[in-house]
Amino acid sequence: ICGELARWLTRWNFLDVEREPASYFEHCQLRPDIIATHPKTFQRYALDVTVVSPLQAKYLRRGQDQNGYAARAAEKWKLAHYKEAMAVEKPDERFIPIAIETFGRTGELAQ
């Protein structure tokens, strides 16, 4: 998924597309899957992809009533996980979690 996403970003003329950058953060072990720069705004993005199953016990009950619940929950978790590192080390860059459920539904931020 990450390779295909990186290829599409390149096709869409994003600049400096890099997969799994080794030293994105200096003071923590987090590493986004892709970093890229928007070709018109020059906004730098860090993207992290996760695939979740809505059939996992922690998502199953609420997922029955809310389509895409597992993907939204995974997005929220990723945002919280990266929040401090982005605020401290990369305050001018934007983090986007790409959450995809195993049956194909994506989170809101991936759309």
N, C-alpha and C. Protein backbone atom coordinates (compact mmCIF):
# COMPACT_ATOMS: atom_id res chain seq x y z
N ILE A 1 0.83 -1.19 0.00
CA ILE A 1 0.00 0.00 0.00
C ILE A 1 0.88 1.25 0.00
N CYS A 2 1.93 1.23 0.81
CA CYS A 2 2.80 2.42 0.90
C CYS A 2 3.50 2.68 -0.43
N GLY A 3 3.95 1.63 -1.08
CA GLY A 3 4.62 1.79 -2.36
C GLY A 3 3.69 2.38 -3.41
N GLU A 4 2.47 1.89 -3.44
CA GLU A 4 1.49 2.41 -4.40
C GLU A 4 1.15 3.87 -4.09
N LEU A 5 0.98 4.19 -2.82
CA LEU A 5 0.70 5.57 -2.44
C LEU A 5 1.85 6.50 -2.82
N ALA A 6 3.08 6.06 -2.61
CA ALA A 6 4.24 6.86 -3.00
C ALA A 6 4.29 7.06 -4.51
N ARG A 7 3.96 6.02 -5.27
CA ARG A 7 3.92 6.16 -6.74
C ARG A 7 2.87 7.19 -7.17
N TRP A 8 1.68 7.15 -6.54
CA TRP A 8 0.64 8.11 -6.89
C TRP A 8 1.04 9.53 -6.52
N LEU A 9 1.67 9.71 -5.38
CA LEU A 9 2.13 11.05 -5.00
C LEU A 9 3.12 11.58 -6.03
N THR A 10 3.99 10.72 -6.50
CA THR A 10 4.95 11.12 -7.53
C THR A 10 4.23 11.48 -8.82
N ARG A 11 3.24 10.67 -9.21
CA ARG A 11 2.46 10.96 -10.42
C ARG A 11 1.70 12.27 -10.31
N TRP A 12 1.30 12.61 -9.09
CA TRP A 12 0.58 13.87 -8.85
C TRP A 12 1.55 15.03 -8.66
N ASN A 13 2.82 14.82 -8.99
CA ASN A 13 3.87 15.84 -8.96
C ASN A 13 4.26 16.31 -7.56
N PHE A 14 4.00 15.50 -6.53
CA PHE A 14 4.51 15.85 -5.21
C PHE A 14 6.03 15.80 -5.27
N LEU A 15 6.68 16.64 -4.50
CA LEU A 15 8.13 16.75 -4.51
C LEU A 15 8.74 15.96 -3.36
N ASP A 16 9.97 15.53 -3.55
CA ASP A 16 10.75 14.88 -2.49
C ASP A 16 10.00 13.74 -1.81
N VAL A 17 9.33 12.90 -2.59
CA VAL A 17 8.60 11.77 -2.03
C VAL A 17 9.62 10.75 -1.52
N GLU A 18 9.52 10.42 -0.24
CA GLU A 18 10.47 9.50 0.37
C GLU A 18 9.72 8.48 1.23
N ARG A 19 10.03 7.21 1.03
CA ARG A 19 9.42 6.14 1.82
C ARG A 19 10.28 5.81 3.03
N GLU A 20 9.63 5.65 4.16
CA GLU A 20 10.28 5.27 5.42
C GLU A 20 11.58 6.03 5.68
N PRO A 21 11.49 7.34 5.83
CA PRO A 21 12.70 8.12 6.08
C PRO A 21 13.37 7.71 7.39
N ALA A 22 14.64 7.44 7.32
CA ALA A 22 15.37 6.89 8.46
C ALA A 22 15.49 7.85 9.64
N SER A 23 15.64 9.11 9.38
CA SER A 23 15.89 10.05 10.48
C SER A 23 14.93 11.24 10.42
N TYR A 24 13.65 10.96 10.33
CA TYR A 24 12.67 12.04 10.25
C TYR A 24 12.59 12.79 11.58
N PHE A 25 12.54 12.05 12.68
CA PHE A 25 12.56 12.66 14.00
C PHE A 25 13.92 12.40 14.64
N GLU A 26 14.46 13.40 15.30
CA GLU A 26 15.76 13.24 15.96
C GLU A 26 15.66 12.56 17.32
N HIS A 27 14.59 12.87 18.06
CA HIS A 27 14.55 12.47 19.47
C HIS A 27 13.49 11.42 19.81
N CYS A 28 12.97 10.74 18.82
CA CYS A 28 12.03 9.66 19.12
C CYS A 28 12.14 8.59 18.04
N GLN A 29 11.57 7.45 18.32
CA GLN A 29 11.69 6.30 17.42
C GLN A 29 10.60 6.23 16.36
N LEU A 30 9.70 7.19 16.32
CA LEU A 30 8.64 7.18 15.32
C LEU A 30 9.20 7.42 13.92
N ARG A 31 8.55 6.78 12.95
CA ARG A 31 8.96 6.98 11.56
C ARG A 31 7.72 6.87 10.67
N PRO A 32 7.35 7.96 10.00
CA PRO A 32 6.20 7.85 9.09
C PRO A 32 6.56 6.97 7.91
N ASP A 33 5.53 6.49 7.22
CA ASP A 33 5.76 5.63 6.06
C ASP A 33 6.22 6.43 4.85
N ILE A 34 5.71 7.65 4.70
CA ILE A 34 6.04 8.48 3.53
C ILE A 34 6.11 9.94 3.97
N ILE A 35 7.06 10.67 3.41
CA ILE A 35 7.05 12.13 3.52
C ILE A 35 7.06 12.68 2.10
N ALA A 36 6.39 13.81 1.91
CA ALA A 36 6.29 14.40 0.57
C ALA A 36 5.93 15.88 0.70
N THR A 37 6.25 16.63 -0.33
CA THR A 37 5.97 18.07 -0.36
C THR A 37 4.96 18.37 -1.46
N HIS A 38 3.92 19.13 -1.11
CA HIS A 38 2.90 19.51 -2.09
C HIS A 38 3.53 20.41 -3.16
N PRO A 39 3.25 20.16 -4.44
CA PRO A 39 3.92 20.88 -5.52
C PRO A 39 3.54 22.37 -5.64
N LYS A 40 2.39 22.76 -5.14
CA LYS A 40 1.99 24.17 -5.27
C LYS A 40 2.16 24.96 -3.98
N THR A 41 1.78 24.36 -2.86
CA THR A 41 1.84 25.08 -1.59
C THR A 41 3.18 24.88 -0.86
N PHE A 42 3.92 23.86 -1.26
CA PHE A 42 5.18 23.46 -0.63
C PHE A 42 4.99 23.04 0.83
N GLN A 43 3.73 22.70 1.18
CA GLN A 43 3.46 22.14 2.50
C GLN A 43 4.06 20.74 2.56
N ARG A 44 4.76 20.46 3.63
CA ARG A 44 5.40 19.15 3.82
C ARG A 44 4.43 18.26 4.60
N TYR A 45 4.26 17.03 4.12
CA TYR A 45 3.36 16.07 4.74
C TYR A 45 4.12 14.83 5.17
N ALA A 46 3.73 14.31 6.32
CA ALA A 46 4.18 13.01 6.79
C ALA A 46 2.95 12.12 6.82
N LEU A 47 3.02 10.97 6.17
CA LEU A 47 1.88 10.06 6.09
C LEU A 47 2.25 8.73 6.72
N ASP A 48 1.32 8.18 7.48
CA ASP A 48 1.55 6.87 8.08
C ASP A 48 0.33 6.00 7.79
N VAL A 49 0.57 4.85 7.19
CA VAL A 49 -0.51 3.95 6.76
C VAL A 49 -0.71 2.85 7.79
N THR A 50 -1.97 2.56 8.06
CA THR A 50 -2.31 1.43 8.92
C THR A 50 -3.53 0.72 8.34
N VAL A 51 -3.53 -0.59 8.46
CA VAL A 51 -4.66 -1.41 8.01
C VAL A 51 -5.24 -2.07 9.24
N VAL A 52 -6.56 -1.91 9.43
CA VAL A 52 -7.22 -2.47 10.62
C VAL A 52 -8.41 -3.33 10.20
N SER A 53 -8.69 -4.31 11.00
CA SER A 53 -9.86 -5.16 10.75
C SER A 53 -11.02 -4.69 11.62
N PRO A 54 -12.16 -4.40 11.00
CA PRO A 54 -13.32 -4.02 11.81
C PRO A 54 -13.88 -5.20 12.61
N LEU A 55 -13.35 -6.40 12.37
CA LEU A 55 -13.79 -7.58 13.11
C LEU A 55 -13.02 -7.79 14.41
N GLN A 56 -12.02 -6.94 14.69
CA GLN A 56 -11.31 -7.04 15.96
C GLN A 56 -12.29 -6.73 17.09
N ALA A 57 -12.12 -7.41 18.21
CA ALA A 57 -13.05 -7.25 19.33
C ALA A 57 -13.21 -5.79 19.76
N LYS A 58 -12.11 -5.04 19.76
CA LYS A 58 -12.20 -3.65 20.23
C LYS A 58 -13.01 -2.75 19.30
N TYR A 59 -13.24 -3.17 18.07
CA TYR A 59 -14.01 -2.36 17.12
C TYR A 59 -15.40 -2.95 16.83
N LEU A 60 -15.59 -4.20 17.10
CA LEU A 60 -16.76 -4.92 16.61
C LEU A 60 -18.09 -4.34 17.09
N ARG A 61 -18.21 -4.08 18.37
CA ARG A 61 -19.49 -3.62 18.90
C ARG A 61 -19.90 -2.27 18.32
N ARG A 62 -19.01 -1.29 18.39
CA ARG A 62 -19.34 0.04 17.87
C ARG A 62 -19.36 0.06 16.35
N GLY A 63 -18.58 -0.81 15.73
CA GLY A 63 -18.54 -0.87 14.28
C GLY A 63 -19.83 -1.38 13.67
N GLN A 64 -20.62 -2.12 14.46
CA GLN A 64 -21.91 -2.60 13.95
C GLN A 64 -22.86 -1.45 13.68
N ASP A 65 -22.75 -0.39 14.46
CA ASP A 65 -23.66 0.75 14.34
C ASP A 65 -23.08 1.90 13.53
N GLN A 66 -21.76 1.93 13.38
CA GLN A 66 -21.10 3.06 12.73
C GLN A 66 -20.16 2.56 11.63
N ASN A 67 -20.55 2.75 10.40
CA ASN A 67 -19.69 2.36 9.29
C ASN A 67 -18.36 3.13 9.37
N GLY A 68 -17.27 2.41 9.19
CA GLY A 68 -15.95 3.04 9.20
C GLY A 68 -15.41 3.33 10.59
N TYR A 69 -16.03 2.79 11.61
CA TYR A 69 -15.58 3.07 12.98
C TYR A 69 -14.13 2.66 13.22
N ALA A 70 -13.75 1.49 12.74
CA ALA A 70 -12.38 1.00 12.97
C ALA A 70 -11.35 1.92 12.33
N ALA A 71 -11.62 2.38 11.12
CA ALA A 71 -10.69 3.29 10.45
C ALA A 71 -10.60 4.63 11.18
N ARG A 72 -11.73 5.15 11.62
CA ARG A 72 -11.71 6.43 12.36
C ARG A 72 -10.96 6.28 13.68
N ALA A 73 -11.18 5.17 14.36
CA ALA A 73 -10.48 4.93 15.63
C ALA A 73 -8.97 4.81 15.40
N ALA A 74 -8.58 4.14 14.33
CA ALA A 74 -7.15 4.00 14.02
C ALA A 74 -6.54 5.35 13.67
N GLU A 75 -7.27 6.19 12.95
CA GLU A 75 -6.79 7.55 12.65
C GLU A 75 -6.56 8.33 13.94
N LYS A 76 -7.53 8.28 14.83
CA LYS A 76 -7.40 9.02 16.10
C LYS A 76 -6.20 8.53 16.90
N TRP A 77 -5.99 7.20 16.91
CA TRP A 77 -4.85 6.66 17.65
C TRP A 77 -3.53 7.14 17.05
N LYS A 78 -3.43 7.11 15.71
CA LYS A 78 -2.20 7.56 15.04
C LYS A 78 -1.96 9.04 15.30
N LEU A 79 -3.01 9.86 15.22
CA LEU A 79 -2.86 11.30 15.48
C LEU A 79 -2.33 11.53 16.89
N ALA A 80 -2.88 10.84 17.88
CA ALA A 80 -2.42 10.98 19.25
C ALA A 80 -0.98 10.49 19.41
N HIS A 81 -0.66 9.40 18.73
CA HIS A 81 0.67 8.79 18.81
C HIS A 81 1.76 9.72 18.28
N TYR A 82 1.46 10.47 17.22
CA TYR A 82 2.43 11.35 16.58
C TYR A 82 2.34 12.80 17.05
N LYS A 83 1.32 13.14 17.83
CA LYS A 83 1.04 14.54 18.17
C LYS A 83 2.24 15.27 18.79
N GLU A 84 2.81 14.73 19.82
CA GLU A 84 3.90 15.41 20.51
C GLU A 84 5.14 15.53 19.63
N ALA A 85 5.52 14.47 18.95
CA ALA A 85 6.71 14.50 18.10
C ALA A 85 6.55 15.53 16.99
N MET A 86 5.37 15.60 16.38
CA MET A 86 5.13 16.57 15.31
C MET A 86 5.17 17.99 15.87
N ALA A 87 4.55 18.20 17.03
CA ALA A 87 4.50 19.55 17.62
C ALA A 87 5.88 20.04 18.02
N VAL A 88 6.71 19.16 18.53
CA VAL A 88 8.03 19.55 19.01
C VAL A 88 9.06 19.64 17.88
N GLU A 89 9.11 18.62 17.03
CA GLU A 89 10.18 18.55 16.04
C GLU A 89 9.80 19.02 14.64
N LYS A 90 8.52 18.95 14.30
CA LYS A 90 8.09 19.31 12.93
C LYS A 90 6.83 20.18 12.97
N PRO A 91 6.84 21.30 13.68
CA PRO A 91 5.61 22.08 13.86
C PRO A 91 5.04 22.67 12.58
N ASP A 92 5.84 22.85 11.56
CA ASP A 92 5.35 23.43 10.30
C ASP A 92 4.89 22.37 9.31
N GLU A 93 5.06 21.12 9.64
CA GLU A 93 4.67 20.04 8.74
C GLU A 93 3.36 19.44 9.22
N ARG A 94 2.69 18.74 8.33
CA ARG A 94 1.37 18.19 8.63
C ARG A 94 1.41 16.67 8.61
N PHE A 95 0.84 16.06 9.64
CA PHE A 95 0.77 14.60 9.73
C PHE A 95 -0.61 14.13 9.29
N ILE A 96 -0.65 13.12 8.42
CA ILE A 96 -1.91 12.55 7.96
C ILE A 96 -1.86 11.03 8.12
N PRO A 97 -2.70 10.49 9.00
CA PRO A 97 -2.80 9.03 9.09
C PRO A 97 -3.69 8.51 7.97
N ILE A 98 -3.27 7.44 7.34
CA ILE A 98 -4.06 6.80 6.30
C ILE A 98 -4.53 5.47 6.88
N ALA A 99 -5.78 5.41 7.31
CA ALA A 99 -6.33 4.20 7.91
C ALA A 99 -7.27 3.52 6.92
N ILE A 100 -7.04 2.24 6.71
CA ILE A 100 -7.83 1.46 5.76
C ILE A 100 -8.32 0.20 6.47
N GLU A 101 -9.62 -0.03 6.38
CA GLU A 101 -10.16 -1.26 6.95
C GLU A 101 -9.93 -2.41 5.98
N THR A 102 -9.86 -3.62 6.50
CA THR A 102 -9.56 -4.78 5.65
C THR A 102 -10.60 -5.03 4.58
N PHE A 103 -11.80 -4.50 4.75
CA PHE A 103 -12.84 -4.64 3.72
C PHE A 103 -12.86 -3.46 2.76
N GLY A 104 -11.92 -2.52 2.93
CA GLY A 104 -11.77 -1.45 1.95
C GLY A 104 -12.16 -0.06 2.38
N ARG A 105 -12.96 0.09 3.42
CA ARG A 105 -13.36 1.43 3.84
C ARG A 105 -12.15 2.20 4.37
N THR A 106 -12.07 3.49 4.05
CA THR A 106 -10.95 4.31 4.54
C THR A 106 -11.45 5.27 5.59
N GLY A 107 -10.51 5.77 6.37
CA GLY A 107 -10.84 6.80 7.35
C GLY A 107 -11.10 8.12 6.64
N GLU A 108 -11.65 9.06 7.37
CA GLU A 108 -12.01 10.36 6.80
C GLU A 108 -10.80 11.13 6.28
N LEU A 109 -9.68 11.05 6.97
CA LEU A 109 -8.49 11.82 6.56
C LEU A 109 -7.83 11.27 5.32
N ALA A 110 -8.13 10.03 4.98
CA ALA A 110 -7.56 9.43 3.77
C ALA A 110 -8.37 9.77 2.52
N GLN A 111 -9.52 10.36 2.69
CA GLN A 111 -10.40 10.61 1.56
C GLN A 111 -10.10 11.91 0.86
